[in-house]
Amino acid sequence: MAKSMLLISRQAPWSGPGAREALDIALAGGAFDLPLALLFLDDGVLQLCPTQQPALLQQKDLTANLQALPLFGVEALYASSRSLQERGLDPLALNLAVEPLDDQAICALIGRYDLVMTL
């Protein structure tokens, strides 16, 4: 039986390789039907901003990878309500539909998965 995995993405999209690696792991896990969820926490919620301009930093856009998550079976997508609020992000204006969770719900979410990986 496949173990379930929760990926917690905590890095801003252009602060290092963590954001891209989390998306790559999620897409690979989804391709192999691994029960998987993705939680955007802290600066990781900045990956969900619709007005990113990665070309200014000579980086690749992560939007296509984010939009591909449901196509690969990764449909359990969450974001920290607190992190969104602290960064002035409206959950309804993000470039990906995520379920906002408060801190208590995040703790319960973590407890439901066999493996938890933070990037």
N, C-alpha and C. Protein backbone atom coordinates (compact mmCIF):
# COMPACT_ATOMS: atom_id res chain seq x y z
N MET A 1 0.84 -1.18 0.00
CA MET A 1 0.00 0.00 0.00
C MET A 1 0.89 1.25 0.00
N ALA A 2 0.56 2.20 -0.84
CA ALA A 2 1.35 3.42 -0.96
C ALA A 2 1.17 4.29 0.28
N LYS A 3 2.25 4.85 0.74
CA LYS A 3 2.18 5.78 1.85
C LYS A 3 1.76 7.14 1.32
N SER A 4 1.06 7.89 2.14
CA SER A 4 0.65 9.23 1.75
C SER A 4 1.75 10.23 2.11
N MET A 5 1.81 11.31 1.33
CA MET A 5 2.86 12.31 1.55
C MET A 5 2.27 13.71 1.52
N LEU A 6 2.70 14.53 2.46
CA LEU A 6 2.38 15.95 2.48
C LEU A 6 3.66 16.71 2.20
N LEU A 7 3.64 17.53 1.16
CA LEU A 7 4.77 18.40 0.85
C LEU A 7 4.43 19.79 1.37
N ILE A 8 5.33 20.37 2.12
CA ILE A 8 5.15 21.73 2.63
C ILE A 8 6.16 22.62 1.92
N SER A 9 5.65 23.53 1.12
CA SER A 9 6.50 24.44 0.36
C SER A 9 6.56 25.78 1.08
N ARG A 10 7.76 26.14 1.58
CA ARG A 10 7.90 27.33 2.41
C ARG A 10 8.74 28.44 1.77
N GLN A 11 9.27 28.20 0.58
CA GLN A 11 10.15 29.20 -0.04
C GLN A 11 9.40 30.01 -1.08
N ALA A 12 9.77 31.28 -1.16
CA ALA A 12 9.27 32.14 -2.23
C ALA A 12 9.75 31.58 -3.56
N PRO A 13 9.06 31.89 -4.64
CA PRO A 13 9.38 31.24 -5.91
C PRO A 13 10.80 31.47 -6.42
N TRP A 14 11.43 32.58 -6.07
CA TRP A 14 12.74 32.87 -6.66
C TRP A 14 13.82 33.01 -5.60
N SER A 15 13.60 32.50 -4.40
CA SER A 15 14.60 32.63 -3.33
C SER A 15 15.58 31.47 -3.28
N GLY A 16 15.36 30.47 -4.10
CA GLY A 16 16.21 29.29 -4.11
C GLY A 16 15.50 28.16 -4.82
N PRO A 17 16.09 26.99 -4.82
CA PRO A 17 15.51 25.88 -5.58
C PRO A 17 14.33 25.19 -4.89
N GLY A 18 14.04 25.50 -3.65
CA GLY A 18 13.03 24.78 -2.89
C GLY A 18 11.64 24.79 -3.52
N ALA A 19 11.20 25.92 -4.03
CA ALA A 19 9.86 26.01 -4.62
C ALA A 19 9.75 25.10 -5.84
N ARG A 20 10.72 25.17 -6.72
CA ARG A 20 10.70 24.34 -7.92
C ARG A 20 10.81 22.85 -7.56
N GLU A 21 11.66 22.53 -6.58
CA GLU A 21 11.82 21.13 -6.18
C GLU A 21 10.53 20.58 -5.59
N ALA A 22 9.83 21.37 -4.80
CA ALA A 22 8.56 20.91 -4.23
C ALA A 22 7.56 20.61 -5.33
N LEU A 23 7.50 21.49 -6.33
CA LEU A 23 6.58 21.25 -7.44
C LEU A 23 6.98 20.02 -8.25
N ASP A 24 8.28 19.85 -8.47
CA ASP A 24 8.75 18.67 -9.20
C ASP A 24 8.40 17.38 -8.47
N ILE A 25 8.59 17.36 -7.16
CA ILE A 25 8.26 16.18 -6.37
C ILE A 25 6.76 15.91 -6.42
N ALA A 26 5.96 16.98 -6.31
CA ALA A 26 4.51 16.82 -6.36
C ALA A 26 4.06 16.26 -7.71
N LEU A 27 4.61 16.78 -8.79
CA LEU A 27 4.24 16.30 -10.12
C LEU A 27 4.67 14.85 -10.33
N ALA A 28 5.86 14.51 -9.86
CA ALA A 28 6.34 13.12 -9.99
C ALA A 28 5.48 12.18 -9.15
N GLY A 29 5.18 12.56 -7.93
CA GLY A 29 4.34 11.73 -7.07
C GLY A 29 2.96 11.55 -7.65
N GLY A 30 2.40 12.62 -8.20
CA GLY A 30 1.09 12.53 -8.83
C GLY A 30 1.10 11.61 -10.04
N ALA A 31 2.18 11.65 -10.80
CA ALA A 31 2.28 10.79 -11.99
C ALA A 31 2.29 9.31 -11.61
N PHE A 32 2.76 9.00 -10.40
CA PHE A 32 2.80 7.61 -9.93
C PHE A 32 1.67 7.29 -8.96
N ASP A 33 0.64 8.13 -8.96
CA ASP A 33 -0.56 7.91 -8.13
C ASP A 33 -0.27 7.82 -6.64
N LEU A 34 0.76 8.51 -6.17
CA LEU A 34 1.05 8.58 -4.75
C LEU A 34 0.03 9.49 -4.09
N PRO A 35 -0.64 9.06 -3.03
CA PRO A 35 -1.55 9.95 -2.31
C PRO A 35 -0.75 11.14 -1.75
N LEU A 36 -1.00 12.32 -2.30
CA LEU A 36 -0.13 13.45 -2.04
C LEU A 36 -0.93 14.73 -1.89
N ALA A 37 -0.48 15.59 -0.99
CA ALA A 37 -1.05 16.93 -0.84
C ALA A 37 0.09 17.93 -0.79
N LEU A 38 -0.24 19.17 -1.11
CA LEU A 38 0.75 20.24 -1.12
C LEU A 38 0.23 21.39 -0.29
N LEU A 39 1.02 21.83 0.68
CA LEU A 39 0.68 22.94 1.56
C LEU A 39 1.66 24.08 1.32
N PHE A 40 1.14 25.26 1.00
CA PHE A 40 1.96 26.46 0.84
C PHE A 40 1.94 27.21 2.17
N LEU A 41 3.13 27.42 2.73
CA LEU A 41 3.26 27.98 4.07
C LEU A 41 4.33 29.07 4.05
N ASP A 42 4.21 30.05 4.92
CA ASP A 42 5.17 31.15 5.02
C ASP A 42 5.35 31.79 3.65
N ASP A 43 6.59 32.04 3.22
CA ASP A 43 6.82 32.68 1.92
C ASP A 43 6.43 31.80 0.75
N GLY A 44 6.16 30.52 1.00
CA GLY A 44 5.71 29.63 -0.06
C GLY A 44 4.40 30.09 -0.71
N VAL A 45 3.57 30.84 0.04
CA VAL A 45 2.31 31.32 -0.54
C VAL A 45 2.57 32.31 -1.66
N LEU A 46 3.76 32.91 -1.70
CA LEU A 46 4.08 33.86 -2.77
C LEU A 46 4.13 33.18 -4.14
N GLN A 47 4.28 31.86 -4.16
CA GLN A 47 4.23 31.12 -5.42
C GLN A 47 2.86 31.24 -6.08
N LEU A 48 1.85 31.56 -5.29
CA LEU A 48 0.48 31.61 -5.78
C LEU A 48 0.06 32.97 -6.30
N CYS A 49 0.97 33.96 -6.24
CA CYS A 49 0.66 35.31 -6.72
C CYS A 49 0.48 35.29 -8.24
N PRO A 50 -0.58 35.92 -8.72
CA PRO A 50 -0.83 35.89 -10.15
C PRO A 50 0.02 36.88 -10.97
N THR A 51 0.68 37.81 -10.33
CA THR A 51 1.40 38.86 -11.07
C THR A 51 2.91 38.73 -10.98
N GLN A 52 3.41 37.54 -11.07
CA GLN A 52 4.85 37.33 -11.00
C GLN A 52 5.50 37.66 -12.34
N GLN A 53 6.72 38.14 -12.28
CA GLN A 53 7.47 38.47 -13.49
C GLN A 53 8.86 37.82 -13.41
N PRO A 54 8.93 36.50 -13.59
CA PRO A 54 10.19 35.80 -13.42
C PRO A 54 11.25 36.18 -14.44
N ALA A 55 10.84 36.67 -15.60
CA ALA A 55 11.82 37.04 -16.63
C ALA A 55 12.73 38.17 -16.14
N LEU A 56 12.22 39.02 -15.27
CA LEU A 56 13.05 40.11 -14.73
C LEU A 56 14.24 39.57 -13.94
N LEU A 57 14.09 38.37 -13.38
CA LEU A 57 15.16 37.73 -12.62
C LEU A 57 15.85 36.62 -13.42
N GLN A 58 15.52 36.55 -14.70
CA GLN A 58 16.06 35.52 -15.58
C GLN A 58 15.77 34.12 -15.04
N GLN A 59 14.52 33.93 -14.61
CA GLN A 59 14.07 32.66 -14.06
C GLN A 59 12.92 32.12 -14.91
N LYS A 60 12.65 30.84 -14.78
CA LYS A 60 11.50 30.23 -15.45
C LYS A 60 10.26 30.47 -14.60
N ASP A 61 9.15 30.62 -15.28
CA ASP A 61 7.86 30.83 -14.62
C ASP A 61 7.36 29.50 -14.04
N LEU A 62 6.93 29.51 -12.79
CA LEU A 62 6.41 28.31 -12.14
C LEU A 62 4.91 28.11 -12.37
N THR A 63 4.26 29.08 -13.00
CA THR A 63 2.82 29.02 -13.17
C THR A 63 2.37 27.77 -13.90
N ALA A 64 3.06 27.39 -14.97
CA ALA A 64 2.67 26.20 -15.73
C ALA A 64 2.75 24.95 -14.85
N ASN A 65 3.78 24.85 -14.02
CA ASN A 65 3.90 23.70 -13.11
C ASN A 65 2.76 23.70 -12.10
N LEU A 66 2.42 24.86 -11.57
CA LEU A 66 1.32 24.95 -10.62
C LEU A 66 0.01 24.53 -11.26
N GLN A 67 -0.24 25.02 -12.47
CA GLN A 67 -1.49 24.69 -13.16
C GLN A 67 -1.56 23.22 -13.53
N ALA A 68 -0.41 22.55 -13.66
CA ALA A 68 -0.38 21.13 -14.03
C ALA A 68 -0.67 20.21 -12.85
N LEU A 69 -0.59 20.70 -11.63
CA LEU A 69 -0.78 19.83 -10.46
C LEU A 69 -2.07 19.03 -10.53
N PRO A 70 -3.24 19.65 -10.74
CA PRO A 70 -4.47 18.85 -10.80
C PRO A 70 -4.47 17.85 -11.96
N LEU A 71 -3.81 18.19 -13.06
CA LEU A 71 -3.74 17.26 -14.20
C LEU A 71 -2.96 16.00 -13.85
N PHE A 72 -2.04 16.11 -12.87
CA PHE A 72 -1.24 14.98 -12.42
C PHE A 72 -1.85 14.30 -11.19
N GLY A 73 -3.06 14.68 -10.86
CA GLY A 73 -3.75 14.05 -9.74
C GLY A 73 -3.47 14.67 -8.39
N VAL A 74 -2.76 15.78 -8.36
CA VAL A 74 -2.48 16.47 -7.09
C VAL A 74 -3.56 17.52 -6.92
N GLU A 75 -4.62 17.12 -6.25
CA GLU A 75 -5.77 18.01 -6.10
C GLU A 75 -5.95 18.52 -4.67
N ALA A 76 -5.22 17.94 -3.72
CA ALA A 76 -5.28 18.38 -2.33
C ALA A 76 -4.26 19.50 -2.16
N LEU A 77 -4.72 20.73 -2.39
CA LEU A 77 -3.85 21.91 -2.36
C LEU A 77 -4.33 22.85 -1.26
N TYR A 78 -3.40 23.22 -0.39
CA TYR A 78 -3.74 24.04 0.77
C TYR A 78 -2.78 25.21 0.90
N ALA A 79 -3.23 26.24 1.61
CA ALA A 79 -2.37 27.39 1.93
C ALA A 79 -2.71 27.85 3.34
N SER A 80 -1.70 28.33 4.02
CA SER A 80 -1.89 28.86 5.36
C SER A 80 -2.63 30.20 5.29
N SER A 81 -3.77 30.27 5.96
CA SER A 81 -4.53 31.53 6.02
C SER A 81 -3.70 32.65 6.61
N ARG A 82 -2.96 32.31 7.66
CA ARG A 82 -2.12 33.31 8.32
C ARG A 82 -1.04 33.83 7.37
N SER A 83 -0.40 32.93 6.64
CA SER A 83 0.65 33.34 5.70
C SER A 83 0.09 34.22 4.60
N LEU A 84 -1.10 33.85 4.10
CA LEU A 84 -1.74 34.67 3.07
C LEU A 84 -2.05 36.06 3.61
N GLN A 85 -2.62 36.11 4.80
CA GLN A 85 -3.00 37.39 5.40
C GLN A 85 -1.77 38.26 5.67
N GLU A 86 -0.72 37.67 6.23
CA GLU A 86 0.50 38.43 6.54
C GLU A 86 1.13 39.05 5.30
N ARG A 87 0.91 38.43 4.14
CA ARG A 87 1.50 38.91 2.90
C ARG A 87 0.50 39.67 2.04
N GLY A 88 -0.68 39.92 2.58
CA GLY A 88 -1.69 40.71 1.89
C GLY A 88 -2.28 40.04 0.66
N LEU A 89 -2.35 38.71 0.67
CA LEU A 89 -2.86 37.97 -0.48
C LEU A 89 -4.31 37.54 -0.25
N ASP A 90 -5.15 37.77 -1.25
CA ASP A 90 -6.55 37.38 -1.21
C ASP A 90 -6.65 35.95 -1.74
N PRO A 91 -7.18 35.01 -0.95
CA PRO A 91 -7.28 33.62 -1.40
C PRO A 91 -8.07 33.46 -2.70
N LEU A 92 -8.98 34.38 -2.98
CA LEU A 92 -9.79 34.28 -4.20
C LEU A 92 -9.08 34.84 -5.43
N ALA A 93 -7.94 35.51 -5.23
CA ALA A 93 -7.22 36.12 -6.36
C ALA A 93 -5.92 35.40 -6.70
N LEU A 94 -5.75 34.19 -6.20
CA LEU A 94 -4.52 33.44 -6.45
C LEU A 94 -4.58 32.76 -7.81
N ASN A 95 -3.41 32.37 -8.34
CA ASN A 95 -3.38 31.73 -9.65
C ASN A 95 -3.64 30.23 -9.58
N LEU A 96 -3.98 29.72 -8.40
CA LEU A 96 -4.29 28.31 -8.21
C LEU A 96 -5.33 28.21 -7.09
N ALA A 97 -6.33 27.38 -7.29
CA ALA A 97 -7.35 27.20 -6.27
C ALA A 97 -6.79 26.36 -5.13
N VAL A 98 -6.69 26.95 -3.96
CA VAL A 98 -6.20 26.26 -2.77
C VAL A 98 -7.21 26.44 -1.66
N GLU A 99 -7.18 25.52 -0.70
CA GLU A 99 -8.04 25.63 0.47
C GLU A 99 -7.25 26.30 1.58
N PRO A 100 -7.66 27.50 2.01
CA PRO A 100 -6.97 28.16 3.12
C PRO A 100 -7.24 27.42 4.43
N LEU A 101 -6.19 27.24 5.23
CA LEU A 101 -6.32 26.54 6.51
C LEU A 101 -5.74 27.40 7.63
N ASP A 102 -6.41 27.39 8.79
CA ASP A 102 -5.85 28.07 9.95
C ASP A 102 -4.80 27.14 10.59
N ASP A 103 -4.12 27.65 11.60
CA ASP A 103 -3.02 26.89 12.22
C ASP A 103 -3.49 25.55 12.78
N GLN A 104 -4.65 25.52 13.39
CA GLN A 104 -5.17 24.28 13.97
C GLN A 104 -5.45 23.25 12.87
N ALA A 105 -6.02 23.69 11.77
CA ALA A 105 -6.31 22.79 10.66
C ALA A 105 -5.02 22.28 10.02
N ILE A 106 -3.97 23.10 10.00
CA ILE A 106 -2.67 22.67 9.46
C ILE A 106 -2.10 21.55 10.33
N CYS A 107 -2.19 21.70 11.63
CA CYS A 107 -1.71 20.64 12.54
C CYS A 107 -2.46 19.33 12.29
N ALA A 108 -3.77 19.42 12.12
CA ALA A 108 -4.57 18.22 11.84
C ALA A 108 -4.18 17.63 10.48
N LEU A 109 -3.94 18.48 9.49
CA LEU A 109 -3.54 18.01 8.16
C LEU A 109 -2.23 17.23 8.23
N ILE A 110 -1.26 17.77 8.93
CA ILE A 110 0.04 17.11 9.05
C ILE A 110 -0.12 15.73 9.68
N GLY A 111 -0.99 15.62 10.66
CA GLY A 111 -1.21 14.34 11.33
C GLY A 111 -1.86 13.27 10.46
N ARG A 112 -2.46 13.66 9.35
CA ARG A 112 -3.15 12.70 8.48
C ARG A 112 -2.23 12.01 7.48
N TYR A 113 -0.98 12.46 7.36
CA TYR A 113 -0.08 11.92 6.32
C TYR A 113 1.02 11.08 6.93
N ASP A 114 1.42 10.03 6.20
CA ASP A 114 2.48 9.13 6.65
C ASP A 114 3.84 9.81 6.60
N LEU A 115 4.07 10.56 5.52
CA LEU A 115 5.34 11.25 5.32
C LEU A 115 5.07 12.74 5.14
N VAL A 116 5.92 13.56 5.78
CA VAL A 116 5.83 15.01 5.62
C VAL A 116 7.21 15.52 5.23
N MET A 117 7.25 16.25 4.13
CA MET A 117 8.52 16.78 3.62
C MET A 117 8.38 18.29 3.49
N THR A 118 9.34 19.01 4.06
CA THR A 118 9.32 20.47 3.99
C THR A 118 10.47 20.93 3.10
N LEU A 119 10.15 21.77 2.15
CA LEU A 119 11.15 22.35 1.25
C LEU A 119 11.05 23.86 1.27
